[in-house]
PDB file of N, CA and C in Angstrom:
ATOM      1  N   UNK A   1     -12.766 -17.427  15.438  1.00  0.00           N
ATOM      2  CA  UNK A   1     -13.520 -18.172  14.467  1.00  0.00           C
ATOM      3  C   UNK A   1     -12.560 -18.680  13.403  1.00  0.00           C
ATOM      4  N   UNK A   2     -12.716 -19.899  13.018  1.00  0.00           N
ATOM      5  CA  UNK A   2     -11.838 -20.464  12.015  1.00  0.00           C
ATOM      6  C   UNK A   2     -12.484 -20.336  10.650  1.00  0.00           C
ATOM      7  N   UNK A   3     -11.944 -19.449   9.856  1.00  0.00           N
ATOM      8  CA  UNK A   3     -12.420 -19.250   8.495  1.00  0.00           C
ATOM      9  C   UNK A   3     -11.205 -19.062   7.601  1.00  0.00           C
ATOM     10  N   UNK A   4     -11.419 -19.186   6.314  1.00  0.00           N
ATOM     11  CA  UNK A   4     -10.329 -19.007   5.364  1.00  0.00           C
ATOM     12  C   UNK A   4     -10.147 -17.552   4.983  1.00  0.00           C
ATOM     13  N   UNK A   5     -11.181 -16.761   5.079  1.00  0.00           N
ATOM     14  CA  UNK A   5     -11.166 -15.398   4.565  1.00  0.00           C
ATOM     15  C   UNK A   5     -11.781 -15.400   3.182  1.00  0.00           C
ATOM     16  N   UNK A   6     -12.068 -14.215   2.654  1.00  0.00           N
ATOM     17  CA  UNK A   6     -12.707 -14.109   1.340  1.00  0.00           C
ATOM     18  C   UNK A   6     -11.807 -14.653   0.243  1.00  0.00           C
ATOM     19  N   UNK A   7     -10.517 -14.349   0.312  1.00  0.00           N
ATOM     20  CA  UNK A   7      -9.552 -14.873  -0.660  1.00  0.00           C
ATOM     21  C   UNK A   7      -8.646 -15.855   0.080  1.00  0.00           C
ATOM     22  N   UNK A   8      -8.598 -17.080  -0.406  1.00  0.00           N
ATOM     23  CA  UNK A   8      -7.843 -18.142   0.244  1.00  0.00           C
ATOM     24  C   UNK A   8      -6.952 -18.804  -0.805  1.00  0.00           C
ATOM     25  N   UNK A   9      -5.669 -18.927  -0.498  1.00  0.00           N
ATOM     26  CA  UNK A   9      -4.722 -19.548  -1.420  1.00  0.00           C
ATOM     27  C   UNK A   9      -4.210 -20.831  -0.789  1.00  0.00           C
ATOM     28  N   UNK A  10      -4.402 -21.935  -1.503  1.00  0.00           N
ATOM     29  CA  UNK A  10      -3.934 -23.233  -1.034  1.00  0.00           C
ATOM     30  C   UNK A  10      -3.303 -23.962  -2.207  1.00  0.00           C
ATOM     31  N   UNK A  11      -2.086 -24.472  -1.984  1.00  0.00           N
ATOM     32  CA  UNK A  11      -1.336 -25.190  -3.028  1.00  0.00           C
ATOM     33  C   UNK A  11      -1.216 -24.367  -4.312  1.00  0.00           C
ATOM     34  N   UNK A  12      -1.045 -23.055  -4.148  1.00  0.00           N
ATOM     35  CA  UNK A  12      -0.849 -22.171  -5.289  1.00  0.00           C
ATOM     36  C   UNK A  12      -2.119 -21.805  -6.036  1.00  0.00           C
ATOM     37  N   UNK A  13      -3.250 -22.320  -5.605  1.00  0.00           N
ATOM     38  CA  UNK A  13      -4.511 -22.005  -6.271  1.00  0.00           C
ATOM     39  C   UNK A  13      -5.281 -20.998  -5.427  1.00  0.00           C
ATOM     40  N   UNK A  14      -5.857 -20.002  -6.083  1.00  0.00           N
ATOM     41  CA  UNK A  14      -6.581 -18.936  -5.403  1.00  0.00           C
ATOM     42  C   UNK A  14      -8.082 -19.211  -5.440  1.00  0.00           C
ATOM     43  N   UNK A  15      -8.725 -19.119  -4.270  1.00  0.00           N
ATOM     44  CA  UNK A  15     -10.159 -19.344  -4.158  1.00  0.00           C
ATOM     45  C   UNK A  15     -10.820 -18.069  -3.656  1.00  0.00           C
ATOM     46  N   UNK A  16     -11.955 -17.720  -4.222  1.00  0.00           N
ATOM     47  CA  UNK A  16     -12.733 -16.556  -3.798  1.00  0.00           C
ATOM     48  C   UNK A  16     -14.019 -17.064  -3.160  1.00  0.00           C
ATOM     49  N   UNK A  17     -14.200 -16.762  -1.860  1.00  0.00           N
ATOM     50  CA  UNK A  17     -15.360 -17.246  -1.123  1.00  0.00           C
ATOM     51  C   UNK A  17     -15.977 -16.100  -0.325  1.00  0.00           C
ATOM     52  N   UNK A  18     -16.987 -15.431  -0.870  1.00  0.00           N
ATOM     53  CA  UNK A  18     -17.566 -14.285  -0.167  1.00  0.00           C
ATOM     54  C   UNK A  18     -18.460 -14.653   1.014  1.00  0.00           C
ATOM     55  N   UNK A  19     -18.967 -15.885   1.076  1.00  0.00           N
ATOM     56  CA  UNK A  19     -19.889 -16.254   2.153  1.00  0.00           C
ATOM     57  C   UNK A  19     -19.133 -16.857   3.336  1.00  0.00           C
ATOM     58  N   UNK A  20     -19.471 -16.392   4.547  1.00  0.00           N
ATOM     59  CA  UNK A  20     -18.812 -16.863   5.774  1.00  0.00           C
ATOM     60  C   UNK A  20     -19.012 -18.363   5.981  1.00  0.00           C
ATOM     61  N   UNK A  21     -20.199 -18.876   5.671  1.00  0.00           N
ATOM     62  CA  UNK A  21     -20.463 -20.296   5.879  1.00  0.00           C
ATOM     63  C   UNK A  21     -19.544 -21.149   4.988  1.00  0.00           C
ATOM     64  N   UNK A  22     -19.345 -20.730   3.756  1.00  0.00           N
ATOM     65  CA  UNK A  22     -18.456 -21.464   2.845  1.00  0.00           C
ATOM     66  C   UNK A  22     -17.016 -21.373   3.343  1.00  0.00           C
ATOM     67  N   UNK A  23     -16.597 -20.206   3.827  1.00  0.00           N
ATOM     68  CA  UNK A  23     -15.241 -20.034   4.366  1.00  0.00           C
ATOM     69  C   UNK A  23     -15.011 -20.995   5.532  1.00  0.00           C
ATOM     70  N   UNK A  24     -15.998 -21.109   6.398  1.00  0.00           N
ATOM     71  CA  UNK A  24     -15.883 -21.980   7.555  1.00  0.00           C
ATOM     72  C   UNK A  24     -15.817 -23.449   7.139  1.00  0.00           C
ATOM     73  N   UNK A  25     -16.643 -23.841   6.171  1.00  0.00           N
ATOM     74  CA  UNK A  25     -16.625 -25.221   5.684  1.00  0.00           C
ATOM     75  C   UNK A  25     -15.288 -25.559   5.028  1.00  0.00           C
ATOM     76  N   UNK A  26     -14.734 -24.629   4.271  1.00  0.00           N
ATOM     77  CA  UNK A  26     -13.452 -24.876   3.603  1.00  0.00           C
ATOM     78  C   UNK A  26     -12.308 -24.951   4.621  1.00  0.00           C
ATOM     79  N   UNK A  27     -12.396 -24.164   5.681  1.00  0.00           N
ATOM     80  CA  UNK A  27     -11.388 -24.243   6.744  1.00  0.00           C
ATOM     81  C   UNK A  27     -11.416 -25.633   7.375  1.00  0.00           C
ATOM     82  N   UNK A  28     -12.619 -26.151   7.585  1.00  0.00           N
ATOM     83  CA  UNK A  28     -12.771 -27.499   8.146  1.00  0.00           C
ATOM     84  C   UNK A  28     -12.169 -28.532   7.207  1.00  0.00           C
ATOM     85  N   UNK A  29     -12.512 -28.461   5.922  1.00  0.00           N
ATOM     86  CA  UNK A  29     -12.038 -29.434   4.934  1.00  0.00           C
ATOM     87  C   UNK A  29     -10.526 -29.366   4.726  1.00  0.00           C
ATOM     88  N   UNK A  30      -9.943 -28.186   4.874  1.00  0.00           N
ATOM     89  CA  UNK A  30      -8.506 -28.037   4.637  1.00  0.00           C
ATOM     90  C   UNK A  30      -7.669 -28.452   5.847  1.00  0.00           C
ATOM     91  N   UNK A  31      -8.318 -28.756   6.962  1.00  0.00           N
ATOM     92  CA  UNK A  31      -7.601 -29.197   8.158  1.00  0.00           C
ATOM     93  C   UNK A  31      -6.931 -28.062   8.909  1.00  0.00           C
ATOM     94  N   UNK A  32      -7.456 -26.855   8.815  1.00  0.00           N
ATOM     95  CA  UNK A  32      -6.862 -25.700   9.485  1.00  0.00           C
ATOM     96  C   UNK A  32      -7.129 -25.687  10.983  1.00  0.00           C
ATOM     97  N   UNK A  33      -7.929 -26.615  11.482  1.00  0.00           N
ATOM     98  CA  UNK A  33      -8.265 -26.632  12.895  1.00  0.00           C
ATOM     99  C   UNK A  33      -7.187 -27.341  13.705  1.00  0.00           C
ATOM    100  N   UNK A  34      -7.103 -26.949  14.948  1.00  0.00           N
ATOM    101  CA  UNK A  34      -6.190 -27.610  15.874  1.00  0.00           C
ATOM    102  C   UNK A  34      -6.927 -27.799  17.188  1.00  0.00           C
ATOM    103  N   UNK A  35      -7.035 -29.032  17.627  1.00  0.00           N
ATOM    104  CA  UNK A  35      -7.703 -29.300  18.890  1.00  0.00           C
ATOM    105  C   UNK A  35      -6.634 -29.603  19.925  1.00  0.00           C
ATOM    106  N   UNK A  36      -6.455 -28.706  20.864  1.00  0.00           N
ATOM    107  CA  UNK A  36      -5.473 -28.885  21.930  1.00  0.00           C
ATOM    108  C   UNK A  36      -6.030 -29.738  23.049  1.00  0.00           C
ATOM    109  N   UNK A  37      -5.328 -29.758  24.161  1.00  0.00           N
ATOM    110  CA  UNK A  37      -5.805 -30.545  25.293  1.00  0.00           C
ATOM    111  C   UNK A  37      -7.030 -29.865  25.894  1.00  0.00           C
ATOM    112  N   UNK A  38      -7.940 -30.660  26.437  1.00  0.00           N
ATOM    113  CA  UNK A  38      -9.165 -30.077  26.992  1.00  0.00           C
ATOM    114  C   UNK A  38      -8.870 -29.239  28.241  1.00  0.00           C
ATOM    115  N   UNK A  39      -9.634 -28.199  28.399  1.00  0.00           N
ATOM    116  CA  UNK A  39      -9.518 -27.347  29.578  1.00  0.00           C
ATOM    117  C   UNK A  39     -10.512 -27.841  30.610  1.00  0.00           C
ATOM    118  N   UNK A  40     -10.063 -28.046  31.813  1.00  0.00           N
ATOM    119  CA  UNK A  40     -10.939 -28.504  32.890  1.00  0.00           C
ATOM    120  C   UNK A  40     -11.186 -27.327  33.838  1.00  0.00           C
ATOM    121  N   UNK A  41     -12.437 -26.970  33.981  1.00  0.00           N
ATOM    122  CA  UNK A  41     -12.809 -25.865  34.844  1.00  0.00           C
ATOM    123  C   UNK A  41     -13.477 -26.394  36.096  1.00  0.00           C
ATOM    124  N   UNK A  42     -13.229 -25.761  37.221  1.00  0.00           N
ATOM    125  CA  UNK A  42     -13.976 -26.056  38.448  1.00  0.00           C
ATOM    126  C   UNK A  42     -14.869 -24.848  38.677  1.00  0.00           C
ATOM    127  N   UNK A  43     -16.123 -24.995  38.263  1.00  0.00           N
ATOM    128  CA  UNK A  43     -17.060 -23.885  38.342  1.00  0.00           C
ATOM    129  C   UNK A  43     -17.841 -23.948  39.648  1.00  0.00           C
ATOM    130  N   UNK A  44     -18.013 -22.788  40.262  1.00  0.00           N
ATOM    131  CA  UNK A  44     -18.747 -22.697  41.522  1.00  0.00           C
ATOM    132  C   UNK A  44     -19.843 -21.651  41.413  1.00  0.00           C
ATOM    133  N   UNK A  45     -20.825 -21.783  42.293  1.00  0.00           N
ATOM    134  CA  UNK A  45     -21.855 -20.746  42.345  1.00  0.00           C
ATOM    135  C   UNK A  45     -21.328 -19.566  43.164  1.00  0.00           C
ATOM    136  N   UNK A  46     -22.151 -18.585  43.405  1.00  0.00           N
ATOM    137  CA  UNK A  46     -21.668 -17.387  44.113  1.00  0.00           C
ATOM    138  C   UNK A  46     -21.333 -17.639  45.579  1.00  0.00           C
ATOM    139  N   UNK A  47     -21.714 -18.807  46.093  1.00  0.00           N
ATOM    140  CA  UNK A  47     -21.397 -19.158  47.472  1.00  0.00           C
ATOM    141  C   UNK A  47     -20.171 -20.060  47.569  1.00  0.00           C
ATOM    142  N   UNK A  48     -19.558 -20.380  46.415  1.00  0.00           N
ATOM    143  CA  UNK A  48     -18.366 -21.210  46.400  1.00  0.00           C
ATOM    144  C   UNK A  48     -18.632 -22.700  46.320  1.00  0.00           C
ATOM    145  N   UNK A  49     -19.894 -23.086  46.135  1.00  0.00           N
ATOM    146  CA  UNK A  49     -20.261 -24.505  46.022  1.00  0.00           C
ATOM    147  C   UNK A  49     -20.072 -24.940  44.567  1.00  0.00           C
ATOM    148  N   UNK A  50     -19.369 -26.062  44.361  1.00  0.00           N
ATOM    149  CA  UNK A  50     -19.111 -26.537  43.001  1.00  0.00           C
ATOM    150  C   UNK A  50     -20.416 -26.902  42.295  1.00  0.00           C
ATOM    151  N   UNK A  51     -20.524 -26.483  41.045  1.00  0.00           N
ATOM    152  CA  UNK A  51     -21.712 -26.769  40.244  1.00  0.00           C
ATOM    153  C   UNK A  51     -21.570 -28.176  39.666  1.00  0.00           C
ATOM    154  N   UNK A  52     -22.560 -29.054  39.877  1.00  0.00           N
ATOM    155  CA  UNK A  52     -22.478 -30.424  39.352  1.00  0.00           C
ATOM    156  C   UNK A  52     -22.419 -30.438  37.823  1.00  0.00           C
ATOM    157  N   UNK A  53     -21.683 -31.395  37.262  1.00  0.00           N
ATOM    158  CA  UNK A  53     -21.529 -31.485  35.808  1.00  0.00           C
ATOM    159  C   UNK A  53     -22.875 -31.566  35.091  1.00  0.00           C
ATOM    160  N   UNK A  54     -23.869 -32.207  35.703  1.00  0.00           N
ATOM    161  CA  UNK A  54     -25.193 -32.334  35.101  1.00  0.00           C
ATOM    162  C   UNK A  54     -25.934 -31.014  34.957  1.00  0.00           C
ATOM    163  N   UNK A  55     -25.523 -29.994  35.690  1.00  0.00           N
ATOM    164  CA  UNK A  55     -26.163 -28.680  35.631  1.00  0.00           C
ATOM    165  C   UNK A  55     -25.461 -27.718  34.673  1.00  0.00           C
ATOM    166  N   UNK A  56     -24.336 -28.143  34.096  1.00  0.00           N
ATOM    167  CA  UNK A  56     -23.584 -27.264  33.205  1.00  0.00           C
ATOM    168  C   UNK A  56     -24.180 -27.253  31.799  1.00  0.00           C
ATOM    169  N   UNK A  57     -23.934 -26.188  31.088  1.00  0.00           N
ATOM    170  CA  UNK A  57     -24.416 -26.035  29.712  1.00  0.00           C
ATOM    171  C   UNK A  57     -23.756 -27.069  28.803  1.00  0.00           C
ATOM    172  N   UNK A  58     -24.559 -27.696  27.963  1.00  0.00           N
ATOM    173  CA  UNK A  58     -24.059 -28.640  26.967  1.00  0.00           C
ATOM    174  C   UNK A  58     -24.432 -28.079  25.599  1.00  0.00           C
ATOM    175  N   UNK A  59     -23.428 -27.773  24.743  1.00  0.00           N
ATOM    176  CA  UNK A  59     -23.748 -27.208  23.431  1.00  0.00           C
ATOM    177  C   UNK A  59     -24.558 -28.175  22.570  1.00  0.00           C
ATOM    178  N   UNK A  60     -25.497 -27.618  21.820  1.00  0.00           N
ATOM    179  CA  UNK A  60     -26.309 -28.391  20.888  1.00  0.00           C
ATOM    180  C   UNK A  60     -25.927 -27.955  19.477  1.00  0.00           C
ATOM    181  N   UNK A  61     -25.700 -28.915  18.595  1.00  0.00           N
ATOM    182  CA  UNK A  61     -25.304 -28.615  17.227  1.00  0.00           C
ATOM    183  C   UNK A  61     -26.293 -29.215  16.239  1.00  0.00           C
ATOM    184  N   UNK A  62     -26.529 -28.503  15.157  1.00  0.00           N
ATOM    185  CA  UNK A  62     -27.410 -28.987  14.088  1.00  0.00           C
ATOM    186  C   UNK A  62     -26.581 -29.718  13.039  1.00  0.00           C
ATOM    187  N   UNK A  63     -27.240 -30.326  12.083  1.00  0.00           N
ATOM    188  CA  UNK A  63     -26.555 -31.080  11.032  1.00  0.00           C
ATOM    189  C   UNK A  63     -25.562 -30.198  10.272  1.00  0.00           C
ATOM    190  N   UNK A  64     -25.927 -28.947  10.039  1.00  0.00           N
ATOM    191  CA  UNK A  64     -25.059 -28.004   9.323  1.00  0.00           C
ATOM    192  C   UNK A  64     -23.742 -27.761  10.061  1.00  0.00           C
ATOM    193  N   UNK A  65     -23.743 -27.948  11.370  1.00  0.00           N
ATOM    194  CA  UNK A  65     -22.577 -27.659  12.200  1.00  0.00           C
ATOM    195  C   UNK A  65     -21.484 -28.728  12.089  1.00  0.00           C
ATOM    196  N   UNK A  66     -21.795 -29.880  11.540  1.00  0.00           N
ATOM    197  CA  UNK A  66     -20.851 -30.994  11.525  1.00  0.00           C
ATOM    198  C   UNK A  66     -19.578 -30.686  10.733  1.00  0.00           C
ATOM    199  N   UNK A  67     -19.663 -29.817   9.734  1.00  0.00           N
ATOM    200  CA  UNK A  67     -18.511 -29.503   8.886  1.00  0.00           C
ATOM    201  C   UNK A  67     -18.097 -28.042   8.999  1.00  0.00           C
ATOM    202  N   UNK A  68     -18.394 -27.453  10.127  1.00  0.00           N
ATOM    203  CA  UNK A  68     -18.074 -26.039  10.336  1.00  0.00           C
ATOM    204  C   UNK A  68     -16.679 -25.899  10.929  1.00  0.00           C
ATOM    205  N   UNK A  69     -15.902 -24.990  10.376  1.00  0.00           N
ATOM    206  CA  UNK A  69     -14.559 -24.741  10.868  1.00  0.00           C
ATOM    207  C   UNK A  69     -14.519 -24.097  12.239  1.00  0.00           C
ATOM    208  N   UNK A  70     -15.629 -23.550  12.683  1.00  0.00           N
ATOM    209  CA  UNK A  70     -15.681 -22.881  13.984  1.00  0.00           C
ATOM    210  C   UNK A  70     -16.214 -23.773  15.092  1.00  0.00           C
ATOM    211  N   UNK A  71     -16.498 -25.016  14.791  1.00  0.00           N
ATOM    212  CA  UNK A  71     -17.120 -25.891  15.788  1.00  0.00           C
ATOM    213  C   UNK A  71     -16.283 -26.038  17.063  1.00  0.00           C
ATOM    214  N   UNK A  72     -14.961 -26.065  16.938  1.00  0.00           N
ATOM    215  CA  UNK A  72     -14.107 -26.233  18.113  1.00  0.00           C
ATOM    216  C   UNK A  72     -14.248 -25.101  19.126  1.00  0.00           C
ATOM    217  N   UNK A  73     -14.610 -23.919  18.648  1.00  0.00           N
ATOM    218  CA  UNK A  73     -14.733 -22.771  19.548  1.00  0.00           C
ATOM    219  C   UNK A  73     -16.173 -22.313  19.713  1.00  0.00           C
ATOM    220  N   UNK A  74     -17.108 -23.069  19.163  1.00  0.00           N
ATOM    221  CA  UNK A  74     -18.513 -22.661  19.136  1.00  0.00           C
ATOM    222  C   UNK A  74     -19.223 -23.043  20.431  1.00  0.00           C
ATOM    223  N   UNK A  75     -20.177 -22.229  20.828  1.00  0.00           N
ATOM    224  CA  UNK A  75     -20.997 -22.509  22.005  1.00  0.00           C
ATOM    225  C   UNK A  75     -22.285 -23.226  21.642  1.00  0.00           C
ATOM    226  N   UNK A  76     -22.395 -23.662  20.401  1.00  0.00           N
ATOM    227  CA  UNK A  76     -23.578 -24.388  19.968  1.00  0.00           C
ATOM    228  C   UNK A  76     -24.544 -23.510  19.208  1.00  0.00           C
ATOM    229  N   UNK A  77     -25.617 -24.126  18.784  1.00  0.00           N
ATOM    230  CA  UNK A  77     -26.594 -23.457  17.926  1.00  0.00           C
ATOM    231  C   UNK A  77     -27.530 -22.575  18.747  1.00  0.00           C
ATOM    232  N   UNK A  78     -27.786 -21.395  18.221  1.00  0.00           N
ATOM    233  CA  UNK A  78     -28.734 -20.487  18.861  1.00  0.00           C
ATOM    234  C   UNK A  78     -30.079 -20.506  18.150  1.00  0.00           C
ATOM    235  N   UNK A  79     -30.214 -21.377  17.130  1.00  0.00           N
ATOM    236  CA  UNK A  79     -31.437 -21.485  16.333  1.00  0.00           C
ATOM    237  C   UNK A  79     -31.811 -20.137  15.729  1.00  0.00           C
ATOM    238  N   UNK A  80     -30.805 -19.446  15.166  1.00  0.00           N
ATOM    239  CA  UNK A  80     -31.021 -18.132  14.580  1.00  0.00           C
ATOM    240  C   UNK A  80     -31.749 -18.207  13.243  1.00  0.00           C
ATOM    241  N   UNK A  81     -31.721 -19.379  12.599  1.00  0.00           N
ATOM    242  CA  UNK A  81     -32.390 -19.550  11.319  1.00  0.00           C
ATOM    243  C   UNK A  81     -31.530 -19.287  10.103  1.00  0.00           C
ATOM    244  N   UNK A  82     -30.284 -18.867  10.287  1.00  0.00           N
ATOM    245  CA  UNK A  82     -29.404 -18.540   9.165  1.00  0.00           C
ATOM    246  C   UNK A  82     -28.963 -19.776   8.382  1.00  0.00           C
ATOM    247  N   UNK A  83     -28.944 -20.941   9.026  1.00  0.00           N
ATOM    248  CA  UNK A  83     -28.429 -22.125   8.331  1.00  0.00           C
ATOM    249  C   UNK A  83     -29.552 -23.005   7.776  1.00  0.00           C
ATOM    250  N   UNK A  84     -30.748 -22.599   7.903  1.00  0.00           N
ATOM    251  CA  UNK A  84     -31.854 -23.428   7.415  1.00  0.00           C
ATOM    252  C   UNK A  84     -32.149 -23.143   5.975  1.00  0.00           C
TER     253      UNK A  84
END
C-alpha cells in the first residue's frame, strides 16, 4: 500500500497525518507512486483452457479512489462504506 505514514517529511517540512485515507492521498499528490510495465498473465481454468479476457475480473473504483496512493495496487472497491 502506498502511504506516507503518520509522520511524513517532505522538503524539510514535517507533516502529521493520523488518518490512512489522508496518508494515501498525500502519497498520490507527492508523486510517490511508480507504475512499471504491465504484467501479462495467461490465466487458465482447472482444465488448462485459457480464460477469455471478457470473463476476467475488472476492478471498479469510486470517485474517492481517483486520488488514492494505493490505486496502482488496488483490486477495486469492495463497497465497505468507509469512504462515503
